[in-house]
Amino acid sequence: PLDFLKKPFCTDDIENVLQKYNTKIERKKREEKLDIFINFQA
């Protein structure tokens, strides 16, 4: 999973979830950009 929240959680826990999501999406975008570059090669 992206994250595991144990009840009761708080706003800070949601902030951590959002940071993890954004970090993962940024990594995926870099990987996609690399894939596109590779696909345009030989």
All heavy atoms as atom14 arrays in JSON, in Angstrom:
{
  "sequence": "PLDFLKKPFCTDDIENVLQKYNTKIERKKREEKLDIFINFQA",
  "atom14_mask": [
    [1, 1, 1, 1, 1, 1, 1, 0, 0, 0, 0, 0, 0, 0],
    [1, 1, 1, 1, 1, 1, 1, 1, 0, 0, 0, 0, 0, 0],
    [1, 1, 1, 1, 1, 1, 1, 1, 0, 0, 0, 0, 0, 0],
    [1, 1, 1, 1, 1, 1, 1, 1, 1, 1, 1, 0, 0, 0],
    [1, 1, 1, 1, 1, 1, 1, 1, 0, 0, 0, 0, 0, 0],
    [1, 1, 1, 1, 1, 1, 1, 1, 1, 0, 0, 0, 0, 0],
    [1, 1, 1, 1, 1, 1, 1, 1, 1, 0, 0, 0, 0, 0],
    [1, 1, 1, 1, 1, 1, 1, 0, 0, 0, 0, 0, 0, 0],
    [1, 1, 1, 1, 1, 1, 1, 1, 1, 1, 1, 0, 0, 0],
    [1, 1, 1, 1, 1, 1, 0, 0, 0, 0, 0, 0, 0, 0],
    [1, 1, 1, 1, 1, 1, 1, 0, 0, 0, 0, 0, 0, 0],
    [1, 1, 1, 1, 1, 1, 1, 1, 0, 0, 0, 0, 0, 0],
    [1, 1, 1, 1, 1, 1, 1, 1, 0, 0, 0, 0, 0, 0],
    [1, 1, 1, 1, 1, 1, 1, 1, 0, 0, 0, 0, 0, 0],
    [1, 1, 1, 1, 1, 1, 1, 1, 1, 0, 0, 0, 0, 0],
    [1, 1, 1, 1, 1, 1, 1, 1, 0, 0, 0, 0, 0, 0],
    [1, 1, 1, 1, 1, 1, 1, 0, 0, 0, 0, 0, 0, 0],
    [1, 1, 1, 1, 1, 1, 1, 1, 0, 0, 0, 0, 0, 0],
    [1, 1, 1, 1, 1, 1, 1, 1, 1, 0, 0, 0, 0, 0],
    [1, 1, 1, 1, 1, 1, 1, 1, 1, 0, 0, 0, 0, 0],
    [1, 1, 1, 1, 1, 1, 1, 1, 1, 1, 1, 1, 0, 0],
    [1, 1, 1, 1, 1, 1, 1, 1, 0, 0, 0, 0, 0, 0],
    [1, 1, 1, 1, 1, 1, 1, 0, 0, 0, 0, 0, 0, 0],
    [1, 1, 1, 1, 1, 1, 1, 1, 1, 0, 0, 0, 0, 0],
    [1, 1, 1, 1, 1, 1, 1, 1, 0, 0, 0, 0, 0, 0],
    [1, 1, 1, 1, 1, 1, 1, 1, 1, 0, 0, 0, 0, 0],
    [1, 1, 1, 1, 1, 1, 1, 1, 1, 1, 1, 0, 0, 0],
    [1, 1, 1, 1, 1, 1, 1, 1, 1, 0, 0, 0, 0, 0],
    [1, 1, 1, 1, 1, 1, 1, 1, 1, 0, 0, 0, 0, 0],
    [1, 1, 1, 1, 1, 1, 1, 1, 1, 1, 1, 0, 0, 0],
    [1, 1, 1, 1, 1, 1, 1, 1, 1, 0, 0, 0, 0, 0],
    [1, 1, 1, 1, 1, 1, 1, 1, 1, 0, 0, 0, 0, 0],
    [1, 1, 1, 1, 1, 1, 1, 1, 1, 0, 0, 0, 0, 0],
    [1, 1, 1, 1, 1, 1, 1, 1, 0, 0, 0, 0, 0, 0],
    [1, 1, 1, 1, 1, 1, 1, 1, 0, 0, 0, 0, 0, 0],
    [1, 1, 1, 1, 1, 1, 1, 1, 0, 0, 0, 0, 0, 0],
    [1, 1, 1, 1, 1, 1, 1, 1, 1, 1, 1, 0, 0, 0],
    [1, 1, 1, 1, 1, 1, 1, 1, 0, 0, 0, 0, 0, 0],
    [1, 1, 1, 1, 1, 1, 1, 1, 0, 0, 0, 0, 0, 0],
    [1, 1, 1, 1, 1, 1, 1, 1, 1, 1, 1, 0, 0, 0],
    [1, 1, 1, 1, 1, 1, 1, 1, 1, 0, 0, 0, 0, 0],
    [1, 1, 1, 1, 1, 0, 0, 0, 0, 0, 0, 0, 0, 0]
  ],
  "atom14_positions": [
    [[0.84, -1.21, 0.0], [0.0, 0.0, 0.0], [0.87, 1.25, 0.0], [2.06, 1.2, 0.35], [-0.78, -0.11, 1.31], [0.15, -0.87, 2.22], [0.84, -1.87, 1.32], [0.0, 0.0, 0.0], [0.0, 0.0, 0.0], [0.0, 0.0, 0.0], [0.0, 0.0, 0.0], [0.0, 0.0, 0.0], [0.0, 0.0, 0.0], [0.0, 0.0, 0.0]],
    [[0.26, 2.36, -0.4], [0.98, 3.63, -0.33], [1.27, 3.98, 1.12], [2.34, 4.48, 1.45], [0.14, 4.74, -0.97], [0.74, 6.15, -0.92], [1.96, 6.24, -1.82], [-0.3, 7.19, -1.33], [0.0, 0.0, 0.0], [0.0, 0.0, 0.0], [0.0, 0.0, 0.0], [0.0, 0.0, 0.0], [0.0, 0.0, 0.0], [0.0, 0.0, 0.0]],
    [[0.29, 3.71, 2.01], [0.47, 4.01, 3.43], [-0.47, 3.14, 4.25], [-1.41, 2.53, 3.72], [0.2, 5.49, 3.71], [1.03, 6.02, 4.88], [1.54, 5.19, 5.66], [1.16, 7.24, 5.02], [0.0, 0.0, 0.0], [0.0, 0.0, 0.0], [0.0, 0.0, 0.0], [0.0, 0.0, 0.0], [0.0, 0.0, 0.0], [0.0, 0.0, 0.0]],
    [[-0.22, 3.11, 5.55], [-1.03, 2.34, 6.49], [-1.32, 3.24, 7.68], [-0.4, 3.62, 8.41], [-0.26, 1.09, 6.93], [-1.03, 0.17, 7.84], [-1.73, -0.91, 7.32], [-1.06, 0.39, 9.2], [-2.44, -1.76, 8.16], [-1.77, -0.44, 10.04], [-2.47, -1.52, 9.52], [0.0, 0.0, 0.0], [0.0, 0.0, 0.0], [0.0, 0.0, 0.0]],
    [[-2.58, 3.62, 7.86], [-2.96, 4.54, 8.93], [-3.7, 3.77, 10.03], [-4.69, 3.1, 9.76], [-3.87, 5.64, 8.39], [-3.3, 6.49, 7.26], [-4.3, 7.58, 6.87], [-1.97, 7.1, 7.66], [0.0, 0.0, 0.0], [0.0, 0.0, 0.0], [0.0, 0.0, 0.0], [0.0, 0.0, 0.0], [0.0, 0.0, 0.0], [0.0, 0.0, 0.0]],
    [[-3.2, 3.88, 11.25], [-3.86, 3.24, 12.37], [-4.8, 4.24, 13.06], [-4.4, 5.34, 13.41], [-2.83, 2.73, 13.39], [-3.44, 1.94, 14.53], [-2.38, 1.42, 15.47], [-3.02, 0.58, 16.58], [-3.99, 1.33, 17.39], [0.0, 0.0, 0.0], [0.0, 0.0, 0.0], [0.0, 0.0, 0.0], [0.0, 0.0, 0.0], [0.0, 0.0, 0.0]],
    [[-6.06, 3.86, 13.17], [-7.05, 4.72, 13.83], [-6.77, 4.78, 15.33], [-6.39, 3.78, 15.93], [-8.46, 4.16, 13.6], [-8.88, 4.07, 12.13], [-10.26, 3.43, 12.01], [-10.69, 3.28, 10.56], [-12.0, 2.6, 10.43], [0.0, 0.0, 0.0], [0.0, 0.0, 0.0], [0.0, 0.0, 0.0], [0.0, 0.0, 0.0], [0.0, 0.0, 0.0]],
    [[-6.96, 5.95, 15.97], [-7.37, 7.22, 15.33], [-6.14, 7.94, 14.76], [-5.09, 7.96, 15.37], [-7.96, 8.01, 16.5], [-7.2, 7.51, 17.7], [-6.91, 6.05, 17.43], [0.0, 0.0, 0.0], [0.0, 0.0, 0.0], [0.0, 0.0, 0.0], [0.0, 0.0, 0.0], [0.0, 0.0, 0.0], [0.0, 0.0, 0.0], [0.0, 0.0, 0.0]],
    [[-6.28, 8.48, 13.57], [-5.19, 9.24, 12.97], [-5.55, 10.72, 12.97], [-6.63, 11.11, 13.41], [-4.85, 8.73, 11.57], [-6.04, 8.45, 10.72], [-6.67, 9.46, 10.02], [-6.53, 7.16, 10.59], [-7.76, 9.21, 9.22], [-7.63, 6.88, 9.8], [-8.26, 7.92, 9.11], [0.0, 0.0, 0.0], [0.0, 0.0, 0.0], [0.0, 0.0, 0.0]],
    [[-4.65, 11.54, 12.45], [-4.85, 12.98, 12.51], [-4.47, 13.63, 11.17], [-4.08, 12.95, 10.22], [-4.03, 13.59, 13.64], [-2.24, 13.35, 13.44], [0.0, 0.0, 0.0], [0.0, 0.0, 0.0], [0.0, 0.0, 0.0], [0.0, 0.0, 0.0], [0.0, 0.0, 0.0], [0.0, 0.0, 0.0], [0.0, 0.0, 0.0], [0.0, 0.0, 0.0]],
    [[-4.56, 14.95, 11.13], [-4.26, 15.7, 9.9], [-2.82, 15.48, 9.45], [-2.54, 15.4, 8.25], [-4.52, 17.2, 10.12], [-5.86, 17.38, 10.57], [-4.33, 17.97, 8.83], [0.0, 0.0, 0.0], [0.0, 0.0, 0.0], [0.0, 0.0, 0.0], [0.0, 0.0, 0.0], [0.0, 0.0, 0.0], [0.0, 0.0, 0.0], [0.0, 0.0, 0.0]],
    [[-1.89, 15.39, 10.4], [-0.49, 15.16, 10.04], [-0.31, 13.85, 9.29], [0.54, 13.75, 8.39], [0.39, 15.17, 11.3], [0.55, 16.56, 11.9], [0.25, 17.54, 11.19], [0.96, 16.65, 13.07], [0.0, 0.0, 0.0], [0.0, 0.0, 0.0], [0.0, 0.0, 0.0], [0.0, 0.0, 0.0], [0.0, 0.0, 0.0], [0.0, 0.0, 0.0]],
    [[-1.1, 12.84, 9.65], [-1.02, 11.55, 8.95], [-1.46, 11.7, 7.49], [-0.88, 11.09, 6.59], [-1.9, 10.51, 9.65], [-1.4, 10.2, 11.05], [-0.18, 10.12, 11.23], [-2.24, 10.04, 11.95], [0.0, 0.0, 0.0], [0.0, 0.0, 0.0], [0.0, 0.0, 0.0], [0.0, 0.0, 0.0], [0.0, 0.0, 0.0], [0.0, 0.0, 0.0]],
    [[-2.51, 12.49, 7.27], [-2.97, 12.74, 5.9], [-1.91, 13.51, 5.11], [-1.69, 13.26, 3.93], [-4.3, 13.51, 5.89], [-5.36, 12.77, 6.71], [-4.79, 13.72, 4.46], [-5.67, 11.38, 6.22], [0.0, 0.0, 0.0], [0.0, 0.0, 0.0], [0.0, 0.0, 0.0], [0.0, 0.0, 0.0], [0.0, 0.0, 0.0], [0.0, 0.0, 0.0]],
    [[-1.25, 14.44, 5.78], [-0.16, 15.2, 5.15], [0.94, 14.25, 4.69], [1.48, 14.39, 3.58], [0.4, 16.22, 6.13], [1.61, 16.99, 5.63], [1.27, 17.98, 4.53], [0.17, 18.57, 4.59], [2.1, 18.16, 3.61], [0.0, 0.0, 0.0], [0.0, 0.0, 0.0], [0.0, 0.0, 0.0], [0.0, 0.0, 0.0], [0.0, 0.0, 0.0]],
    [[1.27, 13.26, 5.51], [2.29, 12.28, 5.14], [1.85, 11.45, 3.94], [2.65, 11.13, 3.06], [2.59, 11.36, 6.33], [3.34, 12.07, 7.44], [4.04, 13.05, 7.19], [3.19, 11.58, 8.66], [0.0, 0.0, 0.0], [0.0, 0.0, 0.0], [0.0, 0.0, 0.0], [0.0, 0.0, 0.0], [0.0, 0.0, 0.0], [0.0, 0.0, 0.0]],
    [[0.57, 11.07, 3.91], [0.03, 10.33, 2.77], [0.19, 11.15, 1.49], [0.63, 10.64, 0.45], [-1.45, 9.98, 2.98], [-2.08, 9.46, 1.68], [-1.61, 8.95, 4.09], [0.0, 0.0, 0.0], [0.0, 0.0, 0.0], [0.0, 0.0, 0.0], [0.0, 0.0, 0.0], [0.0, 0.0, 0.0], [0.0, 0.0, 0.0], [0.0, 0.0, 0.0]],
    [[-0.16, 12.42, 1.56], [-0.08, 13.3, 0.39], [1.36, 13.44, -0.08], [1.65, 13.41, -1.29], [-0.66, 14.66, 0.74], [-0.81, 15.67, -0.4], [-1.67, 15.09, -1.52], [-1.42, 16.97, 0.11], [0.0, 0.0, 0.0], [0.0, 0.0, 0.0], [0.0, 0.0, 0.0], [0.0, 0.0, 0.0], [0.0, 0.0, 0.0], [0.0, 0.0, 0.0]],
    [[2.3, 13.58, 0.85], [3.71, 13.68, 0.48], [4.2, 12.41, -0.2], [4.92, 12.45, -1.2], [4.55, 14.0, 1.71], [4.35, 15.41, 2.25], [5.19, 15.67, 3.49], [5.85, 14.79, 4.02], [5.14, 16.91, 3.98], [0.0, 0.0, 0.0], [0.0, 0.0, 0.0], [0.0, 0.0, 0.0], [0.0, 0.0, 0.0], [0.0, 0.0, 0.0]],
    [[3.8, 11.26, 0.35], [4.2, 9.98, -0.26], [3.62, 9.84, -1.66], [4.29, 9.35, -2.58], [3.75, 8.82, 0.63], [4.53, 8.66, 1.91], [4.04, 7.46, 2.7], [4.83, 7.29, 3.99], [4.38, 6.12, 4.77], [0.0, 0.0, 0.0], [0.0, 0.0, 0.0], [0.0, 0.0, 0.0], [0.0, 0.0, 0.0], [0.0, 0.0, 0.0]],
    [[2.36, 10.25, -1.82], [1.73, 10.16, -3.13], [2.45, 11.05, -4.14], [2.78, 10.62, -5.25], [0.26, 10.55, -3.05], [-0.43, 10.52, -4.39], [-0.86, 9.31, -4.94], [-0.62, 11.68, -5.13], [-1.47, 9.26, -6.18], [-1.22, 11.64, -6.38], [-1.65, 10.43, -6.9], [-2.23, 10.39, -8.13], [0.0, 0.0, 0.0], [0.0, 0.0, 0.0]],
    [[2.71, 12.29, -3.76], [3.38, 13.23, -4.67], [4.77, 12.74, -5.04], [5.19, 12.85, -6.2], [3.45, 14.61, -4.04], [2.1, 15.31, -4.0], [1.2, 14.97, -4.75], [1.94, 16.27, -3.11], [0.0, 0.0, 0.0], [0.0, 0.0, 0.0], [0.0, 0.0, 0.0], [0.0, 0.0, 0.0], [0.0, 0.0, 0.0], [0.0, 0.0, 0.0]],
    [[5.48, 12.19, -4.07], [6.82, 11.66, -4.34], [6.76, 10.51, -5.33], [7.57, 10.42, -6.26], [7.48, 11.18, -3.03], [7.63, 12.3, -2.14], [8.85, 10.58, -3.3], [0.0, 0.0, 0.0], [0.0, 0.0, 0.0], [0.0, 0.0, 0.0], [0.0, 0.0, 0.0], [0.0, 0.0, 0.0], [0.0, 0.0, 0.0], [0.0, 0.0, 0.0]],
    [[5.79, 9.62, -5.15], [5.65, 8.46, -6.04], [5.27, 8.89, -7.44], [5.78, 8.35, -8.43], [4.6, 7.51, -5.47], [4.57, 6.15, -6.15], [3.75, 5.15, -5.35], [3.85, 3.76, -5.97], [3.13, 2.75, -5.15], [0.0, 0.0, 0.0], [0.0, 0.0, 0.0], [0.0, 0.0, 0.0], [0.0, 0.0, 0.0], [0.0, 0.0, 0.0]],
    [[4.37, 9.88, -7.55], [3.96, 10.36, -8.87], [5.13, 11.03, -9.59], [5.31, 10.85, -10.8], [2.78, 11.35, -8.74], [1.53, 10.61, -8.29], [2.53, 12.07, -10.06], [1.1, 9.48, -9.21], [0.0, 0.0, 0.0], [0.0, 0.0, 0.0], [0.0, 0.0, 0.0], [0.0, 0.0, 0.0], [0.0, 0.0, 0.0], [0.0, 0.0, 0.0]],
    [[5.93, 11.81, -8.86], [7.09, 12.45, -9.48], [8.06, 11.39, -10.0], [8.63, 11.54, -11.09], [7.79, 13.36, -8.46], [7.06, 14.66, -8.17], [6.95, 15.55, -9.4], [7.85, 15.51, -10.25], [5.95, 16.28, -9.51], [0.0, 0.0, 0.0], [0.0, 0.0, 0.0], [0.0, 0.0, 0.0], [0.0, 0.0, 0.0], [0.0, 0.0, 0.0]],
    [[8.24, 10.31, -9.23], [9.14, 9.24, -9.68], [8.59, 8.57, -10.92], [9.34, 8.27, -11.86], [9.31, 8.22, -8.55], [10.33, 7.12, -8.91], [10.61, 6.2, -7.73], [9.45, 5.41, -7.36], [8.76, 5.57, -6.24], [9.12, 6.52, -5.38], [7.74, 4.8, -5.97], [0.0, 0.0, 0.0], [0.0, 0.0, 0.0], [0.0, 0.0, 0.0]],
    [[7.27, 8.33, -10.95], [6.65, 7.72, -12.12], [6.82, 8.59, -13.35], [7.07, 8.09, -14.45], [5.16, 7.48, -11.86], [4.87, 6.29, -10.98], [3.36, 6.07, -10.84], [3.05, 4.85, -10.0], [1.58, 4.65, -9.86], [0.0, 0.0, 0.0], [0.0, 0.0, 0.0], [0.0, 0.0, 0.0], [0.0, 0.0, 0.0], [0.0, 0.0, 0.0]],
    [[6.69, 9.9, -13.18], [6.83, 10.82, -14.31], [8.25, 10.78, -14.86], [8.45, 10.81, -16.08], [6.46, 12.24, -13.9], [4.96, 12.46, -13.72], [4.67, 13.9, -13.36], [3.17, 14.13, -13.21], [2.87, 15.52, -12.83], [0.0, 0.0, 0.0], [0.0, 0.0, 0.0], [0.0, 0.0, 0.0], [0.0, 0.0, 0.0], [0.0, 0.0, 0.0]],
    [[9.24, 10.71, -13.97], [10.62, 10.62, -14.44], [10.84, 9.32, -15.2], [11.52, 9.3, -16.23], [11.58, 10.71, -13.23], [11.66, 12.09, -12.6], [12.86, 12.2, -11.68], [12.72, 11.3, -10.54], [12.16, 11.63, -9.39], [11.65, 12.84, -9.23], [12.09, 10.77, -8.39], [0.0, 0.0, 0.0], [0.0, 0.0, 0.0], [0.0, 0.0, 0.0]],
    [[10.24, 8.23, -14.69], [10.37, 6.94, -15.37], [9.69, 6.96, -16.74], [10.21, 6.42, -17.71], [9.77, 5.84, -14.49], [10.58, 5.58, -13.23], [9.87, 4.62, -12.28], [8.7, 4.27, -12.56], [10.48, 4.24, -11.26], [0.0, 0.0, 0.0], [0.0, 0.0, 0.0], [0.0, 0.0, 0.0], [0.0, 0.0, 0.0], [0.0, 0.0, 0.0]],
    [[8.51, 7.61, -16.8], [7.8, 7.72, -18.08], [8.61, 8.54, -19.07], [8.67, 8.21, -20.26], [6.44, 8.37, -17.85], [5.44, 7.46, -17.14], [4.18, 8.2, -16.75], [4.06, 9.4, -17.1], [3.3, 7.59, -16.1], [0.0, 0.0, 0.0], [0.0, 0.0, 0.0], [0.0, 0.0, 0.0], [0.0, 0.0, 0.0], [0.0, 0.0, 0.0]],
    [[9.22, 9.59, -18.58], [10.02, 10.44, -19.47], [11.21, 9.66, -20.02], [11.55, 9.76, -21.2], [10.51, 11.67, -18.69], [11.13, 12.74, -19.57], [11.41, 13.99, -18.75], [11.95, 15.11, -19.64], [12.21, 16.36, -18.86], [0.0, 0.0, 0.0], [0.0, 0.0, 0.0], [0.0, 0.0, 0.0], [0.0, 0.0, 0.0], [0.0, 0.0, 0.0]],
    [[11.81, 8.83, -19.15], [12.92, 7.99, -19.6], [12.45, 6.96, -20.61], [13.11, 6.7, -21.62], [13.55, 7.29, -18.39], [14.73, 6.34, -18.69], [15.86, 7.11, -19.37], [15.2, 5.68, -17.41], [0.0, 0.0, 0.0], [0.0, 0.0, 0.0], [0.0, 0.0, 0.0], [0.0, 0.0, 0.0], [0.0, 0.0, 0.0], [0.0, 0.0, 0.0]],
    [[11.27, 6.36, -20.37], [10.71, 5.39, -21.31], [10.49, 6.01, -22.68], [10.78, 5.4, -23.71], [9.38, 4.83, -20.79], [9.58, 3.81, -19.69], [10.69, 3.25, -19.61], [8.63, 3.59, -18.91], [0.0, 0.0, 0.0], [0.0, 0.0, 0.0], [0.0, 0.0, 0.0], [0.0, 0.0, 0.0], [0.0, 0.0, 0.0], [0.0, 0.0, 0.0]],
    [[9.95, 7.23, -22.68], [9.7, 7.92, -23.94], [11.01, 8.16, -24.69], [11.1, 7.98, -25.9], [8.97, 9.25, -23.69], [7.54, 8.97, -23.2], [8.93, 10.11, -24.95], [6.8, 10.21, -22.75], [0.0, 0.0, 0.0], [0.0, 0.0, 0.0], [0.0, 0.0, 0.0], [0.0, 0.0, 0.0], [0.0, 0.0, 0.0], [0.0, 0.0, 0.0]],
    [[12.03, 8.57, -23.93], [13.34, 8.8, -24.55], [13.89, 7.51, -25.16], [14.36, 7.5, -26.3], [14.32, 9.33, -23.49], [15.74, 9.43, -23.99], [16.13, 10.48, -24.81], [16.68, 8.47, -23.64], [17.43, 10.57, -25.27], [17.98, 8.55, -24.09], [18.35, 9.61, -24.91], [0.0, 0.0, 0.0], [0.0, 0.0, 0.0], [0.0, 0.0, 0.0]],
    [[13.78, 6.43, -24.41], [14.3, 5.14, -24.89], [13.56, 4.68, -26.13], [14.15, 4.18, -27.08], [14.2, 4.08, -23.77], [15.18, 4.43, -22.64], [14.49, 2.69, -24.32], [15.06, 3.54, -21.43], [0.0, 0.0, 0.0], [0.0, 0.0, 0.0], [0.0, 0.0, 0.0], [0.0, 0.0, 0.0], [0.0, 0.0, 0.0], [0.0, 0.0, 0.0]],
    [[12.22, 4.9, -26.12], [11.4, 4.45, -27.25], [11.72, 5.2, -28.54], [11.42, 4.71, -29.64], [9.91, 4.61, -26.93], [9.45, 3.6, -25.91], [10.08, 2.57, -25.74], [8.37, 3.89, -25.22], [0.0, 0.0, 0.0], [0.0, 0.0, 0.0], [0.0, 0.0, 0.0], [0.0, 0.0, 0.0], [0.0, 0.0, 0.0], [0.0, 0.0, 0.0]],
    [[12.32, 6.37, -28.42], [12.67, 7.13, -29.61], [14.07, 6.79, -30.12], [14.51, 7.32, -31.12], [12.58, 8.64, -29.34], [11.2, 9.19, -29.51], [10.42, 9.49, -28.4], [10.65, 9.4, -30.76], [9.14, 9.99, -28.54], [9.37, 9.9, -30.93], [8.61, 10.19, -29.8], [0.0, 0.0, 0.0], [0.0, 0.0, 0.0], [0.0, 0.0, 0.0]],
    [[14.73, 5.9, -29.4], [16.06, 5.49, -29.84], [15.92, 4.38, -30.89], [14.85, 4.12, -31.43], [16.88, 5.01, -28.64], [16.97, 6.04, -27.52], [17.43, 7.4, -28.0], [18.5, 7.52, -28.6], [16.63, 8.42, -27.75], [0.0, 0.0, 0.0], [0.0, 0.0, 0.0], [0.0, 0.0, 0.0], [0.0, 0.0, 0.0], [0.0, 0.0, 0.0]],
    [[17.01, 3.71, -31.17], [17.01, 2.66, -32.19], [15.94, 1.62, -31.88], [15.56, 1.43, -30.73], [18.4, 2.0, -32.23], [0.0, 0.0, 0.0], [0.0, 0.0, 0.0], [0.0, 0.0, 0.0], [0.0, 0.0, 0.0], [0.0, 0.0, 0.0], [0.0, 0.0, 0.0], [0.0, 0.0, 0.0], [0.0, 0.0, 0.0], [0.0, 0.0, 0.0]]
  ]
}
